[in-house]
Amino acid sequence: MPGIHFSLRLSEEEIAALATGAVDDLVRRLVLRAFQPLPSDGERAEAQTEALATLHMLFHLKGAIERLEEQAAQDAADAGAGYPQIGRASSMTRQGARNRWPGLISNPSPNQADHTTGASDDDRPRSAL
């Protein structure tokens, strides 16, 4: 991926599968650590308890991921990355990144250059006049 200073060792699909497997493993371990199941009657009630505890933990992990994502975007901006780079790293457009994290980059010029690719800040080709 140009302009983001890393290359992919795995395909996007393989990365998604790796992340899903890691989160699944993490959730299972956290559920065992964080929750005490109440006595229940039967397998169906146990399955429901496990599913609801997993859902509750995923809710907390989603918030944690959003906080960590916010911090990573801020760290990237503090390290000199612009919205085009942050957008590419986040699988979104420059405008999507700007909408997601407004004010992340202070006072960018309208045509701030992306120094890694030479692309303009708005990621559109310019027509010659």
C-alpha atoms as a PDB file:
ATOM      1  CA  MET A   1       0.000   0.000   0.000  1.00  0.00           C
ATOM      2  CA  PRO A   2       1.763   3.132  -1.127  1.00  0.00           C
ATOM      3  CA  GLY A   3       2.202   5.958   1.305  1.00  0.00           C
ATOM      4  CA  ILE A   4       1.705   4.019   4.506  1.00  0.00           C
ATOM      5  CA  HIS A   5       5.277   2.781   5.038  1.00  0.00           C
ATOM      6  CA  PHE A   6       4.519  -0.909   5.423  1.00  0.00           C
ATOM      7  CA  SER A   7       3.825  -3.772   3.088  1.00  0.00           C
ATOM      8  CA  LEU A   8       1.428  -6.630   3.555  1.00  0.00           C
ATOM      9  CA  ARG A   9       2.830 -10.077   4.336  1.00  0.00           C
ATOM     10  CA  LEU A  10      -0.658 -11.555   4.097  1.00  0.00           C
ATOM     11  CA  SER A  11      -3.633 -10.769   1.909  1.00  0.00           C
ATOM     12  CA  GLU A  12      -6.410  -8.596   3.331  1.00  0.00           C
ATOM     13  CA  GLU A  13      -8.577 -11.731   3.604  1.00  0.00           C
ATOM     14  CA  GLU A  14      -5.833 -13.560   5.528  1.00  0.00           C
ATOM     15  CA  ILE A  15      -5.365 -10.569   7.832  1.00  0.00           C
ATOM     16  CA  ALA A  16      -9.123 -10.491   8.501  1.00  0.00           C
ATOM     17  CA  ALA A  17      -9.145 -14.218   9.313  1.00  0.00           C
ATOM     18  CA  LEU A  18      -6.097 -13.826  11.571  1.00  0.00           C
ATOM     19  CA  ALA A  19      -7.742 -10.927  13.423  1.00  0.00           C
ATOM     20  CA  THR A  20     -11.035 -12.792  13.791  1.00  0.00           C
ATOM     21  CA  GLY A  21      -9.286 -15.851  15.199  1.00  0.00           C
ATOM     22  CA  ALA A  22      -7.219 -13.777  17.619  1.00  0.00           C
ATOM     23  CA  VAL A  23     -10.268 -11.836  18.836  1.00  0.00           C
ATOM     24  CA  ASP A  24     -12.268 -15.045  19.220  1.00  0.00           C
ATOM     25  CA  ASP A  25      -9.490 -16.528  21.364  1.00  0.00           C
ATOM     26  CA  LEU A  26      -9.196 -13.319  23.385  1.00  0.00           C
ATOM     27  CA  VAL A  27     -12.963 -13.117  23.980  1.00  0.00           C
ATOM     28  CA  ARG A  28     -13.119 -16.695  25.211  1.00  0.00           C
ATOM     29  CA  ARG A  29     -10.292 -16.068  27.689  1.00  0.00           C
ATOM     30  CA  LEU A  30     -11.747 -12.751  28.879  1.00  0.00           C
ATOM     31  CA  VAL A  31     -15.230 -14.209  29.351  1.00  0.00           C
ATOM     32  CA  LEU A  32     -13.801 -16.903  31.620  1.00  0.00           C
ATOM     33  CA  ARG A  33     -11.877 -14.274  33.573  1.00  0.00           C
ATOM     34  CA  ALA A  34     -14.542 -11.552  33.792  1.00  0.00           C
ATOM     35  CA  PHE A  35     -17.825 -13.381  34.299  1.00  0.00           C
ATOM     36  CA  GLN A  36     -19.182 -15.928  36.741  1.00  0.00           C
ATOM     37  CA  PRO A  37     -22.033 -17.927  35.227  1.00  0.00           C
ATOM     38  CA  LEU A  38     -25.083 -18.309  37.421  1.00  0.00           C
ATOM     39  CA  PRO A  39     -26.552 -21.730  38.045  1.00  0.00           C
ATOM     40  CA  SER A  40     -28.816 -22.697  35.177  1.00  0.00           C
ATOM     41  CA  ASP A  41     -31.134 -25.489  34.137  1.00  0.00           C
ATOM     42  CA  GLY A  42     -29.924 -27.380  31.126  1.00  0.00           C
ATOM     43  CA  GLU A  43     -27.665 -27.055  28.118  1.00  0.00           C
ATOM     44  CA  ARG A  44     -29.840 -24.452  26.411  1.00  0.00           C
ATOM     45  CA  ALA A  45     -29.586 -22.078  29.383  1.00  0.00           C
ATOM     46  CA  GLU A  46     -25.805 -22.621  29.544  1.00  0.00           C
ATOM     47  CA  ALA A  47     -25.469 -21.910  25.820  1.00  0.00           C
ATOM     48  CA  GLN A  48     -27.547 -18.751  26.227  1.00  0.00           C
ATOM     49  CA  THR A  49     -25.426 -17.618  29.185  1.00  0.00           C
ATOM     50  CA  GLU A  50     -22.222 -18.188  27.227  1.00  0.00           C
ATOM     51  CA  ALA A  51     -23.546 -16.388  24.144  1.00  0.00           C
ATOM     52  CA  LEU A  52     -24.740 -13.383  26.168  1.00  0.00           C
ATOM     53  CA  ALA A  53     -21.463 -13.158  28.101  1.00  0.00           C
ATOM     54  CA  THR A  54     -19.568 -13.293  24.789  1.00  0.00           C
ATOM     55  CA  LEU A  55     -21.772 -10.563  23.334  1.00  0.00           C
ATOM     56  CA  HIS A  56     -21.222  -8.388  26.397  1.00  0.00           C
ATOM     57  CA  MET A  57     -17.451  -8.837  26.173  1.00  0.00           C
ATOM     58  CA  LEU A  58     -17.471  -8.046  22.449  1.00  0.00           C
ATOM     59  CA  PHE A  59     -19.329  -4.828  23.259  1.00  0.00           C
ATOM     60  CA  HIS A  60     -16.495  -3.866  25.636  1.00  0.00           C
ATOM     61  CA  LEU A  61     -13.825  -4.886  23.142  1.00  0.00           C
ATOM     62  CA  LYS A  62     -15.471  -2.793  20.434  1.00  0.00           C
ATOM     63  CA  GLY A  63     -15.194   0.279  22.675  1.00  0.00           C
ATOM     64  CA  ALA A  64     -11.587  -0.589  23.491  1.00  0.00           C
ATOM     65  CA  ILE A  65     -10.762  -0.960  19.799  1.00  0.00           C
ATOM     66  CA  GLU A  66     -12.361   2.399  19.013  1.00  0.00           C
ATOM     67  CA  ARG A  67     -10.292   4.076  21.758  1.00  0.00           C
ATOM     68  CA  LEU A  68      -7.103   2.390  20.548  1.00  0.00           C
ATOM     69  CA  GLU A  69      -7.922   3.274  16.928  1.00  0.00           C
ATOM     70  CA  GLU A  70      -8.390   6.921  17.928  1.00  0.00           C
ATOM     71  CA  GLN A  71      -5.031   6.893  19.715  1.00  0.00           C
ATOM     72  CA  ALA A  72      -3.260   5.212  16.779  1.00  0.00           C
ATOM     73  CA  ALA A  73      -4.683   7.805  14.373  1.00  0.00           C
ATOM     74  CA  GLN A  74      -3.511  10.589  16.684  1.00  0.00           C
ATOM     75  CA  ASP A  75      -0.067   8.972  16.998  1.00  0.00           C
ATOM     76  CA  ALA A  76       0.165   8.721  13.193  1.00  0.00           C
ATOM     77  CA  ALA A  77      -0.787  12.390  12.816  1.00  0.00           C
ATOM     78  CA  ASP A  78       1.682  13.392  15.538  1.00  0.00           C
ATOM     79  CA  ALA A  79       4.359  11.457  13.624  1.00  0.00           C
ATOM     80  CA  GLY A  80       3.613  13.499  10.489  1.00  0.00           C
ATOM     81  CA  ALA A  81       1.071  11.366   8.622  1.00  0.00           C
ATOM     82  CA  GLY A  82      -1.645  13.215   6.749  1.00  0.00           C
ATOM     83  CA  TYR A  83      -5.268  12.306   6.159  1.00  0.00           C
ATOM     84  CA  PRO A  84      -4.428  10.499   2.878  1.00  0.00           C
ATOM     85  CA  GLN A  85      -2.044   8.127   4.680  1.00  0.00           C
ATOM     86  CA  ILE A  86      -4.313   7.678   7.703  1.00  0.00           C
ATOM     87  CA  GLY A  87      -7.240   6.984   5.380  1.00  0.00           C
ATOM     88  CA  ARG A  88      -5.307   4.368   3.391  1.00  0.00           C
ATOM     89  CA  ALA A  89      -4.132   2.652   6.594  1.00  0.00           C
ATOM     90  CA  SER A  90      -7.775   2.618   7.759  1.00  0.00           C
ATOM     91  CA  SER A  91      -9.186   1.364   4.439  1.00  0.00           C
ATOM     92  CA  MET A  92     -11.030   4.595   3.839  1.00  0.00           C
ATOM     93  CA  THR A  93     -10.615   7.696   1.732  1.00  0.00           C
ATOM     94  CA  ARG A  94      -8.859  10.830   2.875  1.00  0.00           C
ATOM     95  CA  GLN A  95     -12.255  12.442   3.308  1.00  0.00           C
ATOM     96  CA  GLY A  96     -13.502   9.450   5.274  1.00  0.00           C
ATOM     97  CA  ALA A  97     -10.532   9.786   7.632  1.00  0.00           C
ATOM     98  CA  ARG A  98     -11.123  13.520   7.960  1.00  0.00           C
ATOM     99  CA  ASN A  99     -14.801  12.908   8.786  1.00  0.00           C
ATOM    100  CA  ARG A 100     -13.925  10.134  11.256  1.00  0.00           C
ATOM    101  CA  TRP A 101     -11.218  12.151  13.043  1.00  0.00           C
ATOM    102  CA  PRO A 102     -11.925  15.860  12.444  1.00  0.00           C
ATOM    103  CA  GLY A 103      -9.209  18.170  13.702  1.00  0.00           C
ATOM    104  CA  LEU A 104      -6.670  15.352  13.899  1.00  0.00           C
ATOM    105  CA  ILE A 105      -4.260  17.328  11.774  1.00  0.00           C
ATOM    106  CA  SER A 106      -4.032  20.964  12.708  1.00  0.00           C
ATOM    107  CA  ASN A 107      -4.244  23.551   9.956  1.00  0.00           C
ATOM    108  CA  PRO A 108      -3.547  21.423   6.878  1.00  0.00           C
ATOM    109  CA  SER A 109      -3.202  23.484   3.743  1.00  0.00           C
ATOM    110  CA  PRO A 110      -5.862  22.855   1.071  1.00  0.00           C
ATOM    111  CA  ASN A 111      -3.341  21.179  -1.233  1.00  0.00           C
ATOM    112  CA  GLN A 112      -1.042  19.624   1.360  1.00  0.00           C
ATOM    113  CA  ALA A 113       1.190  17.141  -0.420  1.00  0.00           C
ATOM    114  CA  ASP A 114       1.339  13.532   0.637  1.00  0.00           C
ATOM    115  CA  HIS A 115       5.115  13.290   0.743  1.00  0.00           C
ATOM    116  CA  THR A 116       5.167   9.536   0.236  1.00  0.00           C
ATOM    117  CA  THR A 117       3.316   9.436  -3.072  1.00  0.00           C
ATOM    118  CA  GLY A 118       3.191  13.037  -4.226  1.00  0.00           C
ATOM    119  CA  ALA A 119      -0.607  12.849  -4.194  1.00  0.00           C
ATOM    120  CA  SER A 120      -2.568  15.920  -3.236  1.00  0.00           C
ATOM    121  CA  ASP A 121      -4.477  15.978   0.035  1.00  0.00           C
ATOM    122  CA  ASP A 122      -7.803  15.495  -1.710  1.00  0.00           C
ATOM    123  CA  ASP A 123      -6.642  12.343  -3.591  1.00  0.00           C
ATOM    124  CA  ARG A 124      -8.081  13.583  -6.905  1.00  0.00           C
ATOM    125  CA  PRO A 125      -6.168  13.945 -10.128  1.00  0.00           C
ATOM    126  CA  ARG A 126      -5.858  17.569 -11.154  1.00  0.00           C
ATOM    127  CA  SER A 127      -6.735  18.592 -14.695  1.00  0.00           C
ATOM    128  CA  ALA A 128      -4.398  20.856 -16.566  1.00  0.00           C
ATOM    129  CA  LEU A 129      -5.937  24.220 -17.433  1.00  0.00           C
END
